[in-house]
Amino acid sequence: MKEKIKSAVARAKKVTIAKGIKVSKNKKAEMEKKPGGSNVGEYSKVAKKKFCGPFGGAPEGSYPVNTKKRAKAALAYAHNAPNPAGIKACVKRMFKSLGRKKK
């Protein structure tokens, strides 16, 4: 019986910040404090591969690009990341139409 209680407590300490990414509450708080990490954990239903934050030096679970609207927003807020060029390259790789300027 005590084992079941311990496992329930251990699970409660983990939070999902994206599909496939679970971290402790303390680590999530640390990630939110890093540059570009203010929105970590707000998109828990987005798949891990649909984030561009790690490419720009920002924490996992930041800069979601699962829709074109969010990809545009990621480009607009890339200046907040430690490496904005990494965010921009990732977005342009996922949404090729955003990478080209129309004449």
PDB file of N, CA and C in Angstrom:
ATOM      1  N   MET A   1       0.816  -1.188   0.000  1.00  0.00           N
ATOM      2  CA  MET A   1       0.000   0.000   0.000  1.00  0.00           C
ATOM      3  C   MET A   1       0.862   1.256   0.000  1.00  0.00           C
ATOM      4  N   LYS A   2       1.930   1.255   0.791  1.00  0.00           N
ATOM      5  CA  LYS A   2       2.801   2.418   0.856  1.00  0.00           C
ATOM      6  C   LYS A   2       3.489   2.671  -0.489  1.00  0.00           C
ATOM      7  N   GLU A   3       3.781   1.601  -1.225  1.00  0.00           N
ATOM      8  CA  GLU A   3       4.420   1.750  -2.539  1.00  0.00           C
ATOM      9  C   GLU A   3       3.510   2.501  -3.503  1.00  0.00           C
ATOM     10  N   LYS A   4       2.218   2.215  -3.459  1.00  0.00           N
ATOM     11  CA  LYS A   4       1.267   2.905  -4.326  1.00  0.00           C
ATOM     12  C   LYS A   4       1.207   4.386  -3.988  1.00  0.00           C
ATOM     13  N   ILE A   5       1.247   4.705  -2.726  1.00  0.00           N
ATOM     14  CA  ILE A   5       1.211   6.107  -2.306  1.00  0.00           C
ATOM     15  C   ILE A   5       2.471   6.818  -2.758  1.00  0.00           C
ATOM     16  N   LYS A   6       3.623   6.188  -2.602  1.00  0.00           N
ATOM     17  CA  LYS A   6       4.884   6.797  -3.017  1.00  0.00           C
ATOM     18  C   LYS A   6       4.903   7.047  -4.519  1.00  0.00           C
ATOM     19  N   SER A   7       4.425   6.088  -5.304  1.00  0.00           N
ATOM     20  CA  SER A   7       4.433   6.274  -6.757  1.00  0.00           C
ATOM     21  C   SER A   7       3.481   7.387  -7.179  1.00  0.00           C
ATOM     22  N   ALA A   8       2.361   7.526  -6.475  1.00  0.00           N
ATOM     23  CA  ALA A   8       1.422   8.608  -6.779  1.00  0.00           C
ATOM     24  C   ALA A   8       2.042   9.958  -6.463  1.00  0.00           C
ATOM     25  N   VAL A   9       2.783  10.038  -5.383  1.00  0.00           N
ATOM     26  CA  VAL A   9       3.459  11.281  -5.017  1.00  0.00           C
ATOM     27  C   VAL A   9       4.548  11.595  -6.028  1.00  0.00           C
ATOM     28  N   ALA A  10       5.283  10.595  -6.458  1.00  0.00           N
ATOM     29  CA  ALA A  10       6.345  10.811  -7.440  1.00  0.00           C
ATOM     30  C   ALA A  10       5.769  11.306  -8.765  1.00  0.00           C
ATOM     31  N   ARG A  11       4.631  10.769  -9.170  1.00  0.00           N
ATOM     32  CA  ARG A  11       4.005  11.204 -10.410  1.00  0.00           C
ATOM     33  C   ARG A  11       3.480  12.633 -10.299  1.00  0.00           C
ATOM     34  N   ALA A  12       3.020  12.989  -9.146  1.00  0.00           N
ATOM     35  CA  ALA A  12       2.457  14.325  -8.957  1.00  0.00           C
ATOM     36  C   ALA A  12       3.523  15.405  -9.073  1.00  0.00           C
ATOM     37  N   LYS A  13       4.767  15.066  -8.829  1.00  0.00           N
ATOM     38  CA  LYS A  13       5.846  16.043  -8.896  1.00  0.00           C
ATOM     39  C   LYS A  13       6.273  16.339 -10.329  1.00  0.00           C
ATOM     40  N   LYS A  14       5.864  15.512 -11.283  1.00  0.00           N
ATOM     41  CA  LYS A  14       6.204  15.716 -12.691  1.00  0.00           C
ATOM     42  C   LYS A  14       5.073  16.447 -13.398  1.00  0.00           C
ATOM     43  N   VAL A  15       5.437  17.335 -14.304  1.00  0.00           N
ATOM     44  CA  VAL A  15       4.446  18.044 -15.109  1.00  0.00           C
ATOM     45  C   VAL A  15       4.783  17.852 -16.571  1.00  0.00           C
ATOM     46  N   THR A  16       3.775  17.835 -17.410  1.00  0.00           N
ATOM     47  CA  THR A  16       3.962  17.688 -18.840  1.00  0.00           C
ATOM     48  C   THR A  16       4.073  19.075 -19.452  1.00  0.00           C
ATOM     49  N   ILE A  17       5.202  19.326 -20.135  1.00  0.00           N
ATOM     50  CA  ILE A  17       5.361  20.619 -20.798  1.00  0.00           C
ATOM     51  C   ILE A  17       5.102  20.515 -22.293  1.00  0.00           C
ATOM     52  N   ALA A  18       5.123  19.297 -22.822  1.00  0.00           N
ATOM     53  CA  ALA A  18       4.783  19.017 -24.215  1.00  0.00           C
ATOM     54  C   ALA A  18       4.542  17.521 -24.323  1.00  0.00           C
ATOM     55  N   LYS A  19       3.940  17.084 -25.426  1.00  0.00           N
ATOM     56  CA  LYS A  19       3.742  15.651 -25.604  1.00  0.00           C
ATOM     57  C   LYS A  19       5.105  14.973 -25.605  1.00  0.00           C
ATOM     58  N   GLY A  20       5.289  14.057 -24.682  1.00  0.00           N
ATOM     59  CA  GLY A  20       6.543  13.324 -24.612  1.00  0.00           C
ATOM     60  C   GLY A  20       7.608  13.972 -23.746  1.00  0.00           C
ATOM     61  N   ILE A  21       7.316  15.107 -23.130  1.00  0.00           N
ATOM     62  CA  ILE A  21       8.295  15.769 -22.269  1.00  0.00           C
ATOM     63  C   ILE A  21       7.674  15.991 -20.894  1.00  0.00           C
ATOM     64  N   LYS A  22       8.182  15.261 -19.902  1.00  0.00           N
ATOM     65  CA  LYS A  22       7.746  15.453 -18.519  1.00  0.00           C
ATOM     66  C   LYS A  22       8.970  15.842 -17.708  1.00  0.00           C
ATOM     67  N   VAL A  23       8.814  16.878 -16.924  1.00  0.00           N
ATOM     68  CA  VAL A  23       9.899  17.343 -16.064  1.00  0.00           C
ATOM     69  C   VAL A  23       9.345  17.646 -14.678  1.00  0.00           C
ATOM     70  N   SER A  24      10.235  17.803 -13.722  1.00  0.00           N
ATOM     71  CA  SER A  24       9.788  18.149 -12.375  1.00  0.00           C
ATOM     72  C   SER A  24       9.318  19.596 -12.348  1.00  0.00           C
ATOM     73  N   LYS A  25       8.552  19.921 -11.349  1.00  0.00           N
ATOM     74  CA  LYS A  25       8.037  21.282 -11.216  1.00  0.00           C
ATOM     75  C   LYS A  25       9.182  22.276 -11.041  1.00  0.00           C
ATOM     76  N   ASN A  26      10.217  21.864 -10.319  1.00  0.00           N
ATOM     77  CA  ASN A  26      11.359  22.748 -10.110  1.00  0.00           C
ATOM     78  C   ASN A  26      12.091  23.028 -11.417  1.00  0.00           C
ATOM     79  N   LYS A  27      12.278  21.992 -12.234  1.00  0.00           N
ATOM     80  CA  LYS A  27      12.959  22.180 -13.503  1.00  0.00           C
ATOM     81  C   LYS A  27      12.135  23.071 -14.436  1.00  0.00           C
ATOM     82  N   LYS A  28      10.825  22.909 -14.421  1.00  0.00           N
ATOM     83  CA  LYS A  28       9.957  23.758 -15.243  1.00  0.00           C
ATOM     84  C   LYS A  28      10.110  25.216 -14.830  1.00  0.00           C
ATOM     85  N   ALA A  29      10.169  25.457 -13.529  1.00  0.00           N
ATOM     86  CA  ALA A  29      10.333  26.825 -13.036  1.00  0.00           C
ATOM     87  C   ALA A  29      11.677  27.408 -13.483  1.00  0.00           C
ATOM     88  N   GLU A  30      12.726  26.583 -13.473  1.00  0.00           N
ATOM     89  CA  GLU A  30      14.044  27.030 -13.940  1.00  0.00           C
ATOM     90  C   GLU A  30      14.015  27.335 -15.434  1.00  0.00           C
ATOM     91  N   MET A  31      13.328  26.491 -16.203  1.00  0.00           N
ATOM     92  CA  MET A  31      13.241  26.676 -17.646  1.00  0.00           C
ATOM     93  C   MET A  31      12.508  27.970 -17.990  1.00  0.00           C
ATOM     94  N   GLU A  32      11.486  28.305 -17.212  1.00  0.00           N
ATOM     95  CA  GLU A  32      10.715  29.523 -17.458  1.00  0.00           C
ATOM     96  C   GLU A  32      11.549  30.785 -17.226  1.00  0.00           C
ATOM     97  N   LYS A  33      12.539  30.701 -16.355  1.00  0.00           N
ATOM     98  CA  LYS A  33      13.375  31.850 -16.039  1.00  0.00           C
ATOM     99  C   LYS A  33      14.457  32.105 -17.086  1.00  0.00           C
ATOM    100  N   LYS A  34      14.777  31.095 -17.896  1.00  0.00           N
ATOM    101  CA  LYS A  34      15.818  31.243 -18.914  1.00  0.00           C
ATOM    102  C   LYS A  34      15.329  32.129 -20.058  1.00  0.00           C
ATOM    103  N   PRO A  35      16.256  32.766 -20.775  1.00  0.00           N
ATOM    104  CA  PRO A  35      15.846  33.607 -21.921  1.00  0.00           C
ATOM    105  C   PRO A  35      15.050  32.807 -22.945  1.00  0.00           C
ATOM    106  N   GLY A  36      13.903  33.327 -23.334  1.00  0.00           N
ATOM    107  CA  GLY A  36      13.052  32.672 -24.315  1.00  0.00           C
ATOM    108  C   GLY A  36      12.178  31.578 -23.754  1.00  0.00           C
ATOM    109  N   GLY A  37      12.167  31.399 -22.454  1.00  0.00           N
ATOM    110  CA  GLY A  37      11.425  30.294 -21.858  1.00  0.00           C
ATOM    111  C   GLY A  37      10.168  30.681 -21.123  1.00  0.00           C
ATOM    112  N   SER A  38       9.669  31.864 -21.347  1.00  0.00           N
ATOM    113  CA  SER A  38       8.507  32.322 -20.584  1.00  0.00           C
ATOM    114  C   SER A  38       7.242  31.520 -20.869  1.00  0.00           C
ATOM    115  N   ASN A  39       7.154  30.856 -22.015  1.00  0.00           N
ATOM    116  CA  ASN A  39       5.934  30.118 -22.340  1.00  0.00           C
ATOM    117  C   ASN A  39       6.096  28.611 -22.195  1.00  0.00           C
ATOM    118  N   VAL A  40       7.110  28.153 -21.508  1.00  0.00           N
ATOM    119  CA  VAL A  40       7.325  26.718 -21.311  1.00  0.00           C
ATOM    120  C   VAL A  40       6.152  26.140 -20.529  1.00  0.00           C
ATOM    121  N   GLY A  41       5.591  25.067 -21.033  1.00  0.00           N
ATOM    122  CA  GLY A  41       4.494  24.392 -20.358  1.00  0.00           C
ATOM    123  C   GLY A  41       3.112  24.856 -20.759  1.00  0.00           C
ATOM    124  N   GLU A  42       3.000  25.898 -21.539  1.00  0.00           N
ATOM    125  CA  GLU A  42       1.687  26.391 -21.948  1.00  0.00           C
ATOM    126  C   GLU A  42       1.116  25.608 -23.131  1.00  0.00           C
ATOM    127  N   TYR A  43       1.927  24.828 -23.798  1.00  0.00           N
ATOM    128  CA  TYR A  43       1.492  24.087 -24.984  1.00  0.00           C
ATOM    129  C   TYR A  43       1.722  22.596 -24.766  1.00  0.00           C
ATOM    130  N   SER A  44       1.080  22.037 -23.767  1.00  0.00           N
ATOM    131  CA  SER A  44       1.313  20.644 -23.404  1.00  0.00           C
ATOM    132  C   SER A  44       0.740  19.648 -24.398  1.00  0.00           C
ATOM    133  N   LYS A  45      -0.103  20.082 -25.319  1.00  0.00           N
ATOM    134  CA  LYS A  45      -0.694  19.167 -26.296  1.00  0.00           C
ATOM    135  C   LYS A  45       0.057  19.163 -27.628  1.00  0.00           C
ATOM    136  N   VAL A  46       1.122  19.943 -27.738  1.00  0.00           N
ATOM    137  CA  VAL A  46       1.910  20.013 -28.967  1.00  0.00           C
ATOM    138  C   VAL A  46       3.043  18.985 -28.880  1.00  0.00           C
ATOM    139  N   ALA A  47       3.318  18.299 -29.987  1.00  0.00           N
ATOM    140  CA  ALA A  47       4.349  17.275 -30.024  1.00  0.00           C
ATOM    141  C   ALA A  47       5.740  17.869 -29.831  1.00  0.00           C
ATOM    142  N   LYS A  48       6.633  17.077 -29.278  1.00  0.00           N
ATOM    143  CA  LYS A  48       7.993  17.512 -28.967  1.00  0.00           C
ATOM    144  C   LYS A  48       8.737  18.041 -30.197  1.00  0.00           C
ATOM    145  N   LYS A  49       8.510  17.430 -31.349  1.00  0.00           N
ATOM    146  CA  LYS A  49       9.238  17.827 -32.552  1.00  0.00           C
ATOM    147  C   LYS A  49       8.695  19.104 -33.192  1.00  0.00           C
ATOM    148  N   LYS A  50       7.631  19.664 -32.647  1.00  0.00           N
ATOM    149  CA  LYS A  50       7.024  20.877 -33.192  1.00  0.00           C
ATOM    150  C   LYS A  50       7.416  22.133 -32.407  1.00  0.00           C
ATOM    151  N   PHE A  51       8.544  22.091 -31.714  1.00  0.00           N
ATOM    152  CA  PHE A  51       9.068  23.245 -30.994  1.00  0.00           C
ATOM    153  C   PHE A  51      10.420  23.631 -31.579  1.00  0.00           C
ATOM    154  N   CYS A  52      10.670  24.928 -31.677  1.00  0.00           N
ATOM    155  CA  CYS A  52      11.950  25.410 -32.208  1.00  0.00           C
ATOM    156  C   CYS A  52      12.843  26.016 -31.134  1.00  0.00           C
ATOM    157  N   GLY A  53      12.409  26.034 -29.900  1.00  0.00           N
ATOM    158  CA  GLY A  53      13.188  26.628 -28.819  1.00  0.00           C
ATOM    159  C   GLY A  53      14.590  26.074 -28.667  1.00  0.00           C
ATOM    160  N   PRO A  54      14.757  24.744 -28.628  1.00  0.00           N
ATOM    161  CA  PRO A  54      16.101  24.197 -28.443  1.00  0.00           C
ATOM    162  C   PRO A  54      17.088  24.572 -29.557  1.00  0.00           C
ATOM    163  N   PHE A  55      16.602  24.835 -30.760  1.00  0.00           N
ATOM    164  CA  PHE A  55      17.482  25.214 -31.858  1.00  0.00           C
ATOM    165  C   PHE A  55      18.041  26.625 -31.667  1.00  0.00           C
ATOM    166  N   GLY A  56      17.357  27.419 -30.861  1.00  0.00           N
ATOM    167  CA  GLY A  56      17.795  28.786 -30.607  1.00  0.00           C
ATOM    168  C   GLY A  56      18.388  28.965 -29.222  1.00  0.00           C
ATOM    169  N   GLY A  57      18.673  27.884 -28.541  1.00  0.00           N
ATOM    170  CA  GLY A  57      19.252  27.973 -27.215  1.00  0.00           C
ATOM    171  C   GLY A  57      18.234  28.190 -26.117  1.00  0.00           C
ATOM    172  N   ALA A  58      16.966  28.207 -26.446  1.00  0.00           N
ATOM    173  CA  ALA A  58      15.901  28.353 -25.455  1.00  0.00           C
ATOM    174  C   ALA A  58      15.529  26.964 -24.921  1.00  0.00           C
ATOM    175  N   PRO A  59      14.843  26.881 -23.795  1.00  0.00           N
ATOM    176  CA  PRO A  59      14.481  25.584 -23.221  1.00  0.00           C
ATOM    177  C   PRO A  59      13.511  24.789 -24.095  1.00  0.00           C
ATOM    178  N   GLU A  60      13.466  23.478 -23.827  1.00  0.00           N
ATOM    179  CA  GLU A  60      12.482  22.617 -24.497  1.00  0.00           C
ATOM    180  C   GLU A  60      11.086  23.115 -24.174  1.00  0.00           C
ATOM    181  N   GLY A  61      10.181  22.973 -25.112  1.00  0.00           N
ATOM    182  CA  GLY A  61       8.806  23.368 -24.875  1.00  0.00           C
ATOM    183  C   GLY A  61       8.533  24.840 -25.120  1.00  0.00           C
ATOM    184  N   SER A  62       9.483  25.532 -25.752  1.00  0.00           N
ATOM    185  CA  SER A  62       9.266  26.943 -26.073  1.00  0.00           C
ATOM    186  C   SER A  62       9.286  27.126 -27.583  1.00  0.00           C
ATOM    187  N   TYR A  63       8.652  28.171 -28.060  1.00  0.00           N
ATOM    188  CA  TYR A  63       8.528  28.494 -29.476  1.00  0.00           C
ATOM    189  C   TYR A  63       7.823  27.377 -30.258  1.00  0.00           C
ATOM    190  N   PRO A  64       6.531  27.149 -29.986  1.00  0.00           N
ATOM    191  CA  PRO A  64       5.782  26.132 -30.725  1.00  0.00           C
ATOM    192  C   PRO A  64       5.537  26.583 -32.162  1.00  0.00           C
ATOM    193  N   VAL A  65       5.623  25.648 -33.100  1.00  0.00           N
ATOM    194  CA  VAL A  65       5.404  25.959 -34.516  1.00  0.00           C
ATOM    195  C   VAL A  65       4.516  24.902 -35.160  1.00  0.00           C
ATOM    196  N   ASN A  66       3.473  24.478 -34.476  1.00  0.00           N
ATOM    197  CA  ASN A  66       2.596  23.454 -35.030  1.00  0.00           C
ATOM    198  C   ASN A  66       1.561  24.031 -35.997  1.00  0.00           C
ATOM    199  N   THR A  67       1.398  25.343 -36.030  1.00  0.00           N
ATOM    200  CA  THR A  67       0.522  25.979 -37.005  1.00  0.00           C
ATOM    201  C   THR A  67       1.267  27.150 -37.643  1.00  0.00           C
ATOM    202  N   LYS A  68       0.770  27.615 -38.772  1.00  0.00           N
ATOM    203  CA  LYS A  68       1.420  28.723 -39.457  1.00  0.00           C
ATOM    204  C   LYS A  68       1.363  29.998 -38.609  1.00  0.00           C
ATOM    205  N   LYS A  69       0.270  30.197 -37.919  1.00  0.00           N
ATOM    206  CA  LYS A  69       0.128  31.373 -37.064  1.00  0.00           C
ATOM    207  C   LYS A  69       1.166  31.362 -35.938  1.00  0.00           C
ATOM    208  N   ARG A  70       1.379  30.200 -35.322  1.00  0.00           N
ATOM    209  CA  ARG A  70       2.380  30.095 -34.259  1.00  0.00           C
ATOM    210  C   ARG A  70       3.790  30.206 -34.815  1.00  0.00           C
ATOM    211  N   ALA A  71       3.989  29.747 -36.036  1.00  0.00           N
ATOM    212  CA  ALA A  71       5.310  29.875 -36.667  1.00  0.00           C
ATOM    213  C   ALA A  71       5.639  31.346 -36.897  1.00  0.00           C
ATOM    214  N   LYS A  72       4.656  32.119 -37.342  1.00  0.00           N
ATOM    215  CA  LYS A  72       4.869  33.560 -37.523  1.00  0.00           C
ATOM    216  C   LYS A  72       5.179  34.225 -36.184  1.00  0.00           C
ATOM    217  N   ALA A  73       4.485  33.801 -35.151  1.00  0.00           N
ATOM    218  CA  ALA A  73       4.728  34.351 -33.818  1.00  0.00           C
ATOM    219  C   ALA A  73       6.134  33.997 -33.331  1.00  0.00           C
ATOM    220  N   ALA A  74       6.574  32.773 -33.621  1.00  0.00           N
ATOM    221  CA  ALA A  74       7.928  32.363 -33.226  1.00  0.00           C
ATOM    222  C   ALA A  74       8.975  33.237 -33.914  1.00  0.00           C
ATOM    223  N   LEU A  75       8.744  33.555 -35.176  1.00  0.00           N
ATOM    224  CA  LEU A  75       9.665  34.453 -35.881  1.00  0.00           C
ATOM    225  C   LEU A  75       9.661  35.836 -35.248  1.00  0.00           C
ATOM    226  N   ALA A  76       8.495  36.312 -34.861  1.00  0.00           N
ATOM    227  CA  ALA A  76       8.379  37.644 -34.264  1.00  0.00           C
ATOM    228  C   ALA A  76       9.058  37.719 -32.897  1.00  0.00           C
ATOM    229  N   TYR A  77       9.009  36.627 -32.137  1.00  0.00           N
ATOM    230  CA  TYR A  77       9.577  36.630 -30.792  1.00  0.00           C
ATOM    231  C   TYR A  77      10.958  35.990 -30.714  1.00  0.00           C
ATOM    232  N   ALA A  78      11.541  35.654 -31.832  1.00  0.00           N
ATOM    233  CA  ALA A  78      12.844  34.997 -31.851  1.00  0.00           C
ATOM    234  C   ALA A  78      13.924  35.859 -31.204  1.00  0.00           C
ATOM    235  N   HIS A  79      13.752  37.166 -31.227  1.00  0.00           N
ATOM    236  CA  HIS A  79      14.770  38.048 -30.651  1.00  0.00           C
ATOM    237  C   HIS A  79      14.946  37.841 -29.146  1.00  0.00           C
ATOM    238  N   ASN A  80      14.008  37.187 -28.493  1.00  0.00           N
ATOM    239  CA  ASN A  80      14.111  36.919 -27.061  1.00  0.00           C
ATOM    240  C   ASN A  80      14.969  35.692 -26.749  1.00  0.00           C
ATOM    241  N   ALA A  81      15.271  34.871 -27.741  1.00  0.00           N
ATOM    242  CA  ALA A  81      16.057  33.657 -27.541  1.00  0.00           C
ATOM    243  C   ALA A  81      17.553  33.991 -27.546  1.00  0.00           C
ATOM    244  N   PRO A  82      18.365  33.151 -26.923  1.00  0.00           N
ATOM    245  CA  PRO A  82      19.811  33.376 -26.938  1.00  0.00           C
ATOM    246  C   PRO A  82      20.405  33.353 -28.350  1.00  0.00           C
ATOM    247  N   ASN A  83      19.841  32.532 -29.245  1.00  0.00           N
ATOM    248  CA  ASN A  83      20.321  32.430 -30.619  1.00  0.00           C
ATOM    249  C   ASN A  83      19.126  32.574 -31.569  1.00  0.00           C
ATOM    250  N   PRO A  84      18.736  33.806 -31.906  1.00  0.00           N
ATOM    251  CA  PRO A  84      17.560  34.014 -32.755  1.00  0.00           C
ATOM    252  C   PRO A  84      17.678  33.364 -34.136  1.00  0.00           C
ATOM    253  N   ALA A  85      18.874  33.285 -34.665  1.00  0.00           N
ATOM    254  CA  ALA A  85      19.053  32.686 -35.991  1.00  0.00           C
ATOM    255  C   ALA A  85      18.655  31.214 -35.996  1.00  0.00           C
ATOM    256  N   GLY A  86      18.872  30.517 -34.891  1.00  0.00           N
ATOM    257  CA  GLY A  86      18.488  29.108 -34.790  1.00  0.00           C
ATOM    258  C   GLY A  86      16.980  28.937 -34.833  1.00  0.00           C
ATOM    259  N   ILE A  87      16.262  29.827 -34.171  1.00  0.00           N
ATOM    260  CA  ILE A  87      14.794  29.784 -34.182  1.00  0.00           C
ATOM    261  C   ILE A  87      14.293  30.046 -35.599  1.00  0.00           C
ATOM    262  N   LYS A  88      14.834  31.075 -36.240  1.00  0.00           N
ATOM    263  CA  LYS A  88      14.394  31.438 -37.588  1.00  0.00           C
ATOM    264  C   LYS A  88      14.663  30.314 -38.576  1.00  0.00           C
ATOM    265  N   ALA A  89      15.824  29.684 -38.478  1.00  0.00           N
ATOM    266  CA  ALA A  89      16.157  28.579 -39.388  1.00  0.00           C
ATOM    267  C   ALA A  89      15.217  27.400 -39.183  1.00  0.00           C
ATOM    268  N   CYS A  90      14.884  27.105 -37.942  1.00  0.00           N
ATOM    269  CA  CYS A  90      13.973  25.999 -37.642  1.00  0.00           C
ATOM    270  C   CYS A  90      12.581  26.273 -38.209  1.00  0.00           C
ATOM    271  N   VAL A  91      12.079  27.490 -38.010  1.00  0.00           N
ATOM    272  CA  VAL A  91      10.752  27.845 -38.518  1.00  0.00           C
ATOM    273  C   VAL A  91      10.741  27.763 -40.036  1.00  0.00           C
ATOM    274  N   LYS A  92      11.766  28.281 -40.672  1.00  0.00           N
ATOM    275  CA  LYS A  92      11.828  28.260 -42.134  1.00  0.00           C
ATOM    276  C   LYS A  92      11.958  26.845 -42.674  1.00  0.00           C
ATOM    277  N   ARG A  93      12.572  25.964 -41.902  1.00  0.00           N
ATOM    278  CA  ARG A  93      12.689  24.563 -42.314  1.00  0.00           C
ATOM    279  C   ARG A  93      11.327  23.873 -42.246  1.00  0.00           C
ATOM    280  N   MET A  94      10.521  24.219 -41.241  1.00  0.00           N
ATOM    281  CA  MET A  94       9.214  23.584 -41.089  1.00  0.00           C
ATOM    282  C   MET A  94       8.141  24.209 -41.969  1.00  0.00           C
ATOM    283  N   PHE A  95       8.232  25.510 -42.186  1.00  0.00           N
ATOM    284  CA  PHE A  95       7.273  26.229 -43.021  1.00  0.00           C
ATOM    285  C   PHE A  95       8.042  26.951 -44.122  1.00  0.00           C
ATOM    286  N   LYS A  96       8.255  26.258 -45.208  1.00  0.00           N
ATOM    287  CA  LYS A  96       9.055  26.809 -46.316  1.00  0.00           C
ATOM    288  C   LYS A  96       8.450  28.075 -46.888  1.00  0.00           C
ATOM    289  N   SER A  97       7.137  28.212 -46.830  1.00  0.00           N
ATOM    290  CA  SER A  97       6.485  29.401 -47.381  1.00  0.00           C
ATOM    291  C   SER A  97       6.842  30.653 -46.586  1.00  0.00           C
ATOM    292  N   LEU A  98       7.215  30.515 -45.327  1.00  0.00           N
ATOM    293  CA  LEU A  98       7.604  31.657 -44.523  1.00  0.00           C
ATOM    294  C   LEU A  98       9.069  32.057 -44.764  1.00  0.00           C
ATOM    295  N   GLY A  99       9.813  31.188 -45.377  1.00  0.00           N
ATOM    296  CA  GLY A  99      11.235  31.451 -45.608  1.00  0.00           C
ATOM    297  C   GLY A  99      11.500  32.324 -46.814  1.00  0.00           C
ATOM    298  N   ARG A 100      10.581  32.364 -47.751  1.00  0.00           N
ATOM    299  CA  ARG A 100      10.792  33.128 -48.984  1.00  0.00           C
ATOM    300  C   ARG A 100       9.979  34.413 -48.936  1.00  0.00           C
ATOM    301  N   LYS A 101      10.571  35.451 -49.452  1.00  0.00           N
ATOM    302  CA  LYS A 101       9.827  36.703 -49.585  1.00  0.00           C
ATOM    303  C   LYS A 101       9.295  36.787 -50.996  1.00  0.00           C
ATOM    304  N   LYS A 102       8.028  37.066 -51.116  1.00  0.00           N
ATOM    305  CA  LYS A 102       7.408  37.157 -52.442  1.00  0.00           C
ATOM    306  C   LYS A 102       7.667  38.529 -53.021  1.00  0.00           C
ATOM    307  N   LYS A 103       7.918  38.543 -54.307  1.00  0.00           N
ATOM    308  CA  LYS A 103       8.197  39.821 -55.004  1.00  0.00           C
ATOM    309  C   LYS A 103       6.956  40.379 -55.632  1.00  0.00           C
TER     310      LYS A 103
END
